[in-house]
């Protein structure tokens, strides 16, 4: 499929024949369009290979990428760039976001539309691409079967990743508890060594827990000496979960203990799993986790405002921690040393002025940028106590993002993510 010969005016009626699951598969591929390892493992890559087997299985991911890029280009060219042409704005948005790799916000500015409208147009454009892909597979007599749609690869491709701040240490403990019955049945002891301070990661805790359970389960089943050792380490922007056990070796060849499904789940979270064997029979599974974005701590007793700020930052590369009072805020600041703090003033018990003074007098947090956000309009006092910026409530998304961008907690507004 390198040319689009479908009548674009007829696509609306064709949408009805395309399942939501298939649209979601195509959408996930588009969002990983430049990750060839992800594309190579995707079921749509194998499906297209049936149409052009001469390309070779090892190039399936690259072929899928080329097909989708060709589809985007053809859509963009077929409607031209005039703003009043049918589908032109949506197709231009697809070109800017997926081919030119612009952020949705930057593409929206170029097209003169709001970010909200751009997201709506983008979803419609993704459905159009899915329809074209579906049409091609149907016309070639290669429609996806029920078995293919329910395969592990298809199920994983359809997973919606919902990230949230997660303590990796706690996650490992919960996974160890889940695997406890299997360990007891096989008389295997699972030990854990980890730093005392939390290691926060922005991830989907449900998927992450399944990955850790899968690795522990495999190690427990293969352990020959009745012991599995788990170590959690942090080095700069990465954390590493290391699982070690002694296994029976098969010559010099490393025999994986991690299932392909677990590896594919890890790929969805962009975690890296490697396995190695040592001469003494120790088998090591290393899970490398990118700690990702920066940490923003919000200290405010207004639950509605906190939720609003969390929504404002949902599409930013940062972890949002929340404290509902000053005491809890100080404890979280001490434990995590966040990259920025959004601080309310009027709180019960310890008010924001006291919290700000503690932050500035503590060597660990003295240099953390603090954005005071309050109905008390006294920026002079805030700055005299060490505030980095002052925002008067009510606040808008634009003001929050601009302030956090100014103090370096999120990328600058014009910077691509």
Protein backbone atom coordinates (compact mmCIF):
# COMPACT_ATOMS: atom_id res chain seq x y z
CA UNK A 1 0.00 0.00 0.00
CA UNK A 2 1.92 3.03 -1.23
CA UNK A 3 -0.87 4.84 -3.08
CA UNK A 4 -4.27 5.90 -1.79
CA UNK A 5 -6.97 5.16 -4.33
CA UNK A 6 -9.93 5.40 -1.95
CA UNK A 7 -12.55 8.08 -2.57
CA UNK A 8 -12.06 10.32 0.46
CA UNK A 9 -15.66 11.54 0.32
CA UNK A 10 -16.86 7.99 1.01
CA UNK A 11 -14.76 7.44 4.12
CA UNK A 12 -17.41 8.58 6.58
CA UNK A 13 -19.64 5.63 5.72
CA UNK A 14 -16.70 3.25 5.78
CA UNK A 15 -15.87 4.29 9.36
CA UNK A 16 -18.87 2.30 10.52
CA UNK A 17 -17.26 -0.99 9.48
CA UNK A 18 -14.02 -0.41 11.39
CA UNK A 19 -13.97 -1.62 14.99
CA UNK A 20 -12.79 0.59 17.83
CA UNK A 21 -10.14 -2.01 18.61
CA UNK A 22 -8.67 -1.77 15.11
CA UNK A 23 -8.70 2.05 15.23
CA UNK A 24 -6.88 1.90 18.57
CA UNK A 25 -4.25 -0.43 17.07
CA UNK A 26 -3.56 2.03 14.27
CA UNK A 27 -3.56 4.93 16.72
CA UNK A 28 -0.95 3.21 18.91
CA UNK A 29 1.24 2.52 15.86
CA UNK A 30 1.03 6.17 14.83
CA UNK A 31 2.11 7.27 18.29
CA UNK A 32 5.17 4.98 18.04
CA UNK A 33 5.79 5.76 14.38
CA UNK A 34 9.55 6.24 14.81
CA UNK A 35 10.11 3.38 17.26
CA UNK A 36 11.06 0.57 14.89
CA UNK A 37 11.41 -2.00 17.67
CA UNK A 38 7.83 -1.35 18.73
CA UNK A 39 6.59 -1.45 15.12
CA UNK A 40 8.45 -4.69 14.43
CA UNK A 41 6.55 -6.44 17.24
CA UNK A 42 3.16 -5.03 16.30
CA UNK A 43 0.59 -7.42 14.72
CA UNK A 44 -0.14 -4.93 11.92
CA UNK A 45 3.44 -5.29 10.68
CA UNK A 46 2.97 -9.03 10.14
CA UNK A 47 -0.39 -8.37 8.53
CA UNK A 48 1.11 -6.07 5.91
CA UNK A 49 3.89 -8.57 5.22
CA UNK A 50 1.31 -10.94 3.76
CA UNK A 51 0.64 -8.34 1.10
CA UNK A 52 4.32 -7.90 0.22
CA UNK A 53 6.24 -10.96 1.48
CA UNK A 54 9.28 -10.04 -0.58
CA UNK A 55 10.11 -7.27 1.89
CA UNK A 56 11.22 -9.86 4.46
CA UNK A 57 10.09 -10.43 8.03
CA UNK A 58 13.06 -8.58 9.54
CA UNK A 59 11.94 -5.37 7.79
CA UNK A 60 8.27 -5.63 8.79
CA UNK A 61 8.41 -2.71 11.22
CA UNK A 62 10.17 -0.46 8.71
CA UNK A 63 7.61 -1.42 6.06
CA UNK A 64 4.74 -0.55 8.39
CA UNK A 65 6.33 2.82 9.11
CA UNK A 66 6.73 3.56 5.38
CA UNK A 67 3.14 2.56 4.66
CA UNK A 68 1.72 4.90 7.29
CA UNK A 69 3.98 7.80 6.30
CA UNK A 70 2.96 7.30 2.65
CA UNK A 71 -0.68 7.32 3.71
CA UNK A 72 -0.25 10.58 5.63
CA UNK A 73 1.55 12.22 2.69
CA UNK A 74 -1.06 11.09 0.21
CA UNK A 75 -3.88 12.40 2.39
CA UNK A 76 -2.13 15.75 2.73
CA UNK A 77 -1.48 16.04 -1.01
CA UNK A 78 -4.91 14.80 -2.06
CA UNK A 79 -6.74 17.70 -0.39
CA UNK A 80 -4.17 20.43 -0.89
CA UNK A 81 -3.35 23.07 1.68
CA UNK A 82 -6.27 25.44 1.21
CA UNK A 83 -8.06 25.85 4.49
CA UNK A 84 -11.47 25.55 2.84
CA UNK A 85 -10.73 22.23 1.09
CA UNK A 86 -12.56 19.15 2.47
CA UNK A 87 -10.56 17.45 5.22
CA UNK A 88 -7.61 19.78 4.49
CA UNK A 89 -7.08 21.02 8.03
CA UNK A 90 -7.18 17.53 9.54
CA UNK A 91 -4.85 16.10 6.91
CA UNK A 92 -2.45 19.00 7.32
CA UNK A 93 -2.49 18.37 11.09
CA UNK A 94 -1.63 14.70 10.53
CA UNK A 95 1.30 15.78 8.36
CA UNK A 96 2.61 18.29 10.89
CA UNK A 97 2.22 16.05 13.96
CA UNK A 98 3.24 12.63 12.65
CA UNK A 99 5.48 13.34 9.66
CA UNK A 100 7.06 16.64 10.73
CA UNK A 101 6.96 15.57 14.42
CA UNK A 102 5.50 18.85 15.65
CA UNK A 103 3.74 18.87 19.01
CA UNK A 104 -0.03 19.18 18.85
CA UNK A 105 0.25 22.63 20.41
CA UNK A 106 2.78 23.87 17.81
CA UNK A 107 0.75 22.40 14.94
CA UNK A 108 -2.40 24.06 16.29
CA UNK A 109 -0.67 27.43 16.33
CA UNK A 110 0.44 27.00 12.72
CA UNK A 111 -3.10 26.14 11.68
CA UNK A 112 -4.65 28.93 13.73
CA UNK A 113 -6.83 26.64 15.88
CA UNK A 114 -7.05 25.86 19.58
CA UNK A 115 -5.25 22.87 21.10
CA UNK A 116 -8.61 21.35 22.00
CA UNK A 117 -9.78 21.57 18.38
CA UNK A 118 -6.45 20.15 17.22
CA UNK A 119 -6.85 17.10 19.46
CA UNK A 120 -10.38 16.55 18.12
CA UNK A 121 -9.17 16.88 14.51
CA UNK A 122 -6.26 14.57 15.19
CA UNK A 123 -8.51 11.82 16.51
CA UNK A 124 -10.68 12.10 13.40
CA UNK A 125 -7.58 11.99 11.23
CA UNK A 126 -6.37 8.86 13.00
CA UNK A 127 -9.74 7.24 12.33
CA UNK A 128 -9.38 8.16 8.64
CA UNK A 129 -5.96 6.50 8.46
CA UNK A 130 -7.35 3.42 10.24
CA UNK A 131 -10.16 3.30 7.69
CA UNK A 132 -7.71 3.42 4.80
CA UNK A 133 -5.61 0.67 6.37
CA UNK A 134 -8.70 -1.44 6.97
CA UNK A 135 -9.92 -0.84 3.40
CA UNK A 136 -6.58 -1.96 2.01
CA UNK A 137 -6.55 -5.17 4.06
CA UNK A 138 -10.12 -5.96 3.05
CA UNK A 139 -9.50 -5.36 -0.63
CA UNK A 140 -6.47 -7.64 -0.47
CA UNK A 141 -8.57 -10.35 1.14
CA UNK A 142 -6.47 -10.11 4.29
CA UNK A 143 -8.86 -8.77 6.90
CA UNK A 144 -7.77 -9.37 10.46
CA UNK A 145 -9.15 -12.59 11.90
CA UNK A 146 -10.68 -12.96 15.35
CA UNK A 147 -7.63 -14.96 16.38
CA UNK A 148 -5.27 -12.21 15.30
CA UNK A 149 -7.31 -9.49 16.98
CA UNK A 150 -7.27 -11.44 20.26
CA UNK A 151 -3.59 -12.44 20.08
CA UNK A 152 -1.28 -11.31 22.90
CA UNK A 153 0.32 -8.80 20.54
CA UNK A 154 -3.05 -7.32 19.62
CA UNK A 155 -4.21 -7.20 23.23
CA UNK A 156 -1.03 -5.44 24.31
CA UNK A 157 -1.18 -3.01 21.38
CA UNK A 158 -4.66 -1.97 22.51
CA UNK A 159 -3.64 -1.26 26.11
CA UNK A 160 -4.17 2.33 27.13
CA UNK A 161 -1.23 3.44 29.29
CA UNK A 162 -2.38 5.62 32.20
CA UNK A 163 0.65 7.07 33.93
CA UNK A 164 0.74 8.42 37.45
CA UNK A 165 3.44 9.04 40.09
CA UNK A 166 4.41 5.63 41.47
CA UNK A 167 6.88 4.53 44.13
CA UNK A 168 8.97 1.82 42.48
CA UNK A 169 9.98 0.30 45.83
CA UNK A 170 6.33 -0.11 46.86
CA UNK A 171 5.51 -1.55 43.44
CA UNK A 172 8.19 -4.25 43.84
CA UNK A 173 6.91 -5.11 47.30
CA UNK A 174 3.38 -5.56 45.97
CA UNK A 175 4.69 -7.77 43.15
CA UNK A 176 6.61 -9.86 45.68
CA UNK A 177 3.45 -10.30 47.72
CA UNK A 178 1.56 -11.45 44.61
CA UNK A 179 4.27 -14.02 43.85
CA UNK A 180 4.47 -15.09 47.50
CA UNK A 181 2.20 -18.10 47.08
CA UNK A 182 4.27 -19.47 44.21
CA UNK A 183 7.49 -18.86 46.17
CA UNK A 184 6.11 -20.70 49.21
CA UNK A 185 4.92 -23.62 47.09
CA UNK A 186 8.41 -23.99 45.58
CA UNK A 187 10.25 -23.23 48.85
CA UNK A 188 11.97 -20.19 47.33
CA UNK A 189 12.95 -17.17 49.43
CA UNK A 190 12.64 -13.76 47.74
CA UNK A 191 14.78 -11.01 49.29
CA UNK A 192 14.65 -7.30 48.46
CA UNK A 193 17.33 -4.65 48.83
CA UNK A 194 16.36 -1.04 48.09
CA UNK A 195 17.17 2.55 49.13
CA UNK A 196 15.21 3.91 52.08
CA UNK A 197 14.02 7.00 50.14
CA UNK A 198 11.21 6.48 47.61
CA UNK A 199 12.13 6.24 43.94
CA UNK A 200 9.29 7.93 42.08
CA UNK A 201 8.59 7.01 38.48
CA UNK A 202 5.82 8.20 36.16
CA UNK A 203 4.29 4.98 34.90
CA UNK A 204 1.15 2.87 34.67
CA UNK A 205 1.19 0.99 38.00
CA UNK A 206 -1.11 -1.78 36.78
CA UNK A 207 1.05 -2.67 33.77
CA UNK A 208 4.27 -2.14 35.74
CA UNK A 209 3.10 -4.52 38.46
CA UNK A 210 2.32 -7.20 35.88
CA UNK A 211 5.83 -6.85 34.45
CA UNK A 212 7.44 -7.27 37.87
CA UNK A 213 5.20 -10.20 38.77
CA UNK A 214 6.09 -11.85 35.45
CA UNK A 215 9.83 -11.48 36.06
CA UNK A 216 9.60 -12.70 39.67
CA UNK A 217 7.40 -15.63 38.67
CA UNK A 218 9.90 -16.72 36.03
CA UNK A 219 12.82 -16.41 38.43
CA UNK A 220 11.03 -18.37 41.16
CA UNK A 221 10.14 -21.21 38.80
CA UNK A 222 13.71 -21.47 37.47
CA UNK A 223 15.60 -21.00 40.76
CA UNK A 224 17.78 -24.02 41.61
CA UNK A 225 19.03 -22.91 45.04
CA UNK A 226 15.76 -21.73 46.59
CA UNK A 227 16.62 -18.04 46.53
CA UNK A 228 15.75 -15.03 44.36
CA UNK A 229 17.48 -11.72 45.12
CA UNK A 230 15.90 -8.45 44.05
CA UNK A 231 17.85 -5.18 44.11
CA UNK A 232 16.54 -1.70 43.34
CA UNK A 233 19.15 0.90 42.39
CA UNK A 234 19.04 4.47 41.12
CA UNK A 235 21.67 6.09 38.91
CA UNK A 236 20.96 9.59 37.65
CA UNK A 237 17.81 9.64 35.52
CA UNK A 238 17.45 5.84 35.56
CA UNK A 239 16.37 3.22 38.05
CA UNK A 240 17.25 -0.44 37.68
CA UNK A 241 15.47 -3.47 39.12
CA UNK A 242 17.89 -6.40 39.21
CA UNK A 243 16.59 -9.94 39.79
CA UNK A 244 19.16 -12.69 40.35
CA UNK A 245 18.78 -16.44 40.78
CA UNK A 246 20.80 -19.58 40.06
CA UNK A 247 19.42 -21.60 37.17
CA UNK A 248 20.36 -24.72 35.26
CA UNK A 249 22.36 -23.60 32.22
CA UNK A 250 22.16 -25.08 28.75
CA UNK A 251 25.74 -24.86 27.57
CA UNK A 252 26.92 -21.27 27.06
CA UNK A 253 23.54 -20.11 25.83
CA UNK A 254 21.41 -17.74 27.91
CA UNK A 255 17.98 -19.26 28.41
CA UNK A 256 15.39 -16.50 29.04
CA UNK A 257 13.19 -16.77 32.11
CA UNK A 258 11.06 -13.77 31.12
CA UNK A 259 8.10 -14.51 28.87
CA UNK A 260 7.63 -12.70 25.51
CA UNK A 261 4.38 -11.18 26.82
CA UNK A 262 6.23 -9.62 29.77
CA UNK A 263 8.85 -8.23 27.39
CA UNK A 264 6.12 -6.72 25.20
CA UNK A 265 4.45 -5.15 28.23
CA UNK A 266 7.79 -3.62 29.17
CA UNK A 267 8.12 -2.17 25.69
CA UNK A 268 4.74 -0.44 26.11
CA UNK A 269 6.14 1.36 29.16
CA UNK A 270 9.48 1.90 27.39
CA UNK A 271 11.25 -0.21 30.01
CA UNK A 272 14.27 -2.24 28.87
CA UNK A 273 14.70 -5.87 29.98
CA UNK A 274 18.01 -7.70 29.52
CA UNK A 275 19.04 -11.18 30.66
CA UNK A 276 22.56 -12.51 31.22
CA UNK A 277 24.20 -15.67 32.57
CA UNK A 278 27.40 -15.71 34.63
CA UNK A 279 29.96 -18.50 34.77
CA UNK A 280 28.86 -19.42 38.30
CA UNK A 281 25.32 -20.15 37.10
CA UNK A 282 23.80 -16.87 38.27
CA UNK A 283 21.06 -15.67 35.94
CA UNK A 284 20.42 -11.93 36.03
CA UNK A 285 17.38 -10.03 34.76
CA UNK A 286 17.85 -6.27 34.60
CA UNK A 287 14.89 -3.94 34.15
CA UNK A 288 15.97 -0.39 33.31
CA UNK A 289 13.38 2.28 34.02
CA UNK A 290 13.70 5.84 32.79
CA UNK A 291 12.58 8.06 35.66
CA UNK A 292 11.38 10.46 33.02
CA UNK A 293 10.12 13.91 33.79
CA UNK A 294 10.75 16.24 36.64
CA UNK A 295 8.84 16.27 39.92
CA UNK A 296 6.35 19.05 40.74
CA UNK A 297 5.03 19.16 44.31
CA UNK A 298 1.66 20.89 44.82
CA UNK A 299 0.95 21.92 48.43
CA UNK A 300 -2.66 23.11 48.69
CA UNK A 301 -5.67 22.10 50.79
CA UNK A 302 -8.12 22.89 47.95
CA UNK A 303 -8.76 19.44 46.43
CA UNK A 304 -10.54 20.92 43.42
CA UNK A 305 -7.62 23.18 42.55
CA UNK A 306 -5.15 20.33 43.01
CA UNK A 307 -7.10 18.17 40.58
CA UNK A 308 -7.21 21.05 38.13
CA UNK A 309 -3.43 21.51 38.26
CA UNK A 310 -2.96 17.76 37.79
CA UNK A 311 -5.09 18.00 34.63
CA UNK A 312 -3.09 21.00 33.44
CA UNK A 313 0.10 18.96 33.74
CA UNK A 314 -1.28 15.66 32.44
CA UNK A 315 0.40 16.05 29.03
CA UNK A 316 3.68 17.40 30.42
CA UNK A 317 6.80 15.36 31.09
CA UNK A 318 6.61 15.60 34.86
CA UNK A 319 5.46 13.74 37.95
CA UNK A 320 2.91 15.58 40.11
CA UNK A 321 3.01 14.95 43.87
CA UNK A 322 0.27 16.33 46.12
CA UNK A 323 0.22 17.41 49.76
CA UNK A 324 -3.02 18.65 51.33
CA UNK A 325 -1.40 20.51 54.22
CA UNK A 326 1.87 22.16 55.18
CA UNK A 327 3.22 19.34 57.35
CA UNK A 328 2.67 16.73 54.64
CA UNK A 329 4.17 19.13 52.10
CA UNK A 330 7.36 19.58 54.11
CA UNK A 331 7.72 15.80 54.49
CA UNK A 332 7.29 15.20 50.76
CA UNK A 333 9.70 18.03 49.93
CA UNK A 334 12.27 16.54 52.29
CA UNK A 335 11.90 13.04 50.87
CA UNK A 336 11.80 13.85 47.15
CA UNK A 337 13.59 17.21 46.67
CA UNK A 338 11.18 18.19 43.85
CA UNK A 339 12.14 20.27 40.84
CA UNK A 340 9.46 22.86 41.67
CA UNK A 341 6.83 23.51 44.35
CA UNK A 342 3.43 25.15 43.81
CA UNK A 343 2.52 26.49 47.27
CA UNK A 344 -0.74 27.81 48.69
CA UNK A 345 -0.68 30.24 51.64
CA UNK A 346 -4.02 29.78 53.44
CA UNK A 347 -3.88 26.26 54.86
CA UNK A 348 -4.92 24.90 58.28
CA UNK A 349 -2.24 24.30 60.89
CA UNK A 350 0.94 25.38 59.15
CA UNK A 351 0.35 28.11 56.56
CA UNK A 352 2.28 28.60 53.34
CA UNK A 353 4.54 31.33 54.74
CA UNK A 354 5.84 28.90 57.38
CA UNK A 355 6.29 26.18 54.77
CA UNK A 356 8.22 28.58 52.52
CA UNK A 357 10.55 29.56 55.36
CA UNK A 358 11.21 25.89 56.18
CA UNK A 359 11.96 25.14 52.51
CA UNK A 360 14.45 27.99 52.29
CA UNK A 361 16.13 27.15 55.62
CA UNK A 362 16.60 23.44 54.81
CA UNK A 363 19.84 22.76 52.87
CA UNK A 364 18.21 19.97 50.87
CA UNK A 365 15.39 22.15 49.53
CA UNK A 366 16.90 25.62 49.75
CA UNK A 367 17.38 25.90 45.98
CA UNK A 368 14.03 24.37 44.91
CA UNK A 369 11.95 26.92 42.92
CA UNK A 370 8.73 27.81 44.75
CA UNK A 371 5.72 29.28 42.96
CA UNK A 372 3.45 30.82 45.59
CA UNK A 373 -0.16 30.60 44.38
CA UNK A 374 -2.63 32.39 46.66
CA UNK A 375 -5.70 34.60 46.97
CA UNK A 376 -3.64 36.76 49.33
CA UNK A 377 -2.25 39.31 46.89
CA UNK A 378 1.07 40.05 48.57
CA UNK A 379 3.88 39.25 46.12
CA UNK A 380 6.32 41.54 47.98
CA UNK A 381 6.01 39.44 51.13
CA UNK A 382 6.27 36.21 49.11
CA UNK A 383 9.49 37.34 47.43
CA UNK A 384 10.96 38.57 50.71
CA UNK A 385 10.49 35.06 52.15
CA UNK A 386 12.18 33.42 49.17
CA UNK A 387 9.43 32.72 46.62
CA UNK A 388 10.68 32.31 43.07
CA UNK A 389 7.42 33.42 41.45
CA UNK A 390 4.03 34.64 42.64
CA UNK A 391 0.63 33.84 41.09
CA UNK A 392 -2.63 35.34 42.30
CA UNK A 393 -5.66 33.03 42.32
CA UNK A 394 -7.67 32.25 40.33
CA UNK A 395 -5.07 30.81 37.96
CA UNK A 396 -5.32 29.58 34.39
CA UNK A 397 -3.62 26.67 32.68
CA UNK A 398 -1.51 29.10 30.70
CA UNK A 399 -0.23 30.84 33.84
CA UNK A 400 0.61 27.55 35.59
CA UNK A 401 2.45 26.17 32.55
CA UNK A 402 4.28 29.44 31.92
CA UNK A 403 5.41 29.66 35.56
CA UNK A 404 6.64 26.07 35.73
CA UNK A 405 8.33 26.50 32.37
CA UNK A 406 10.07 29.66 33.61
CA UNK A 407 11.52 27.85 36.63
CA UNK A 408 12.60 24.89 34.47
CA UNK A 409 10.22 22.27 35.84
CA UNK A 410 8.64 21.58 32.42
CA UNK A 411 9.90 22.21 28.88
CA UNK A 412 9.52 25.73 27.54
CA UNK A 413 6.19 26.28 25.83
CA UNK A 414 7.73 26.42 22.37
CA UNK A 415 9.98 23.43 22.88
CA UNK A 416 9.12 20.10 21.29
CA UNK A 417 8.60 17.22 23.62
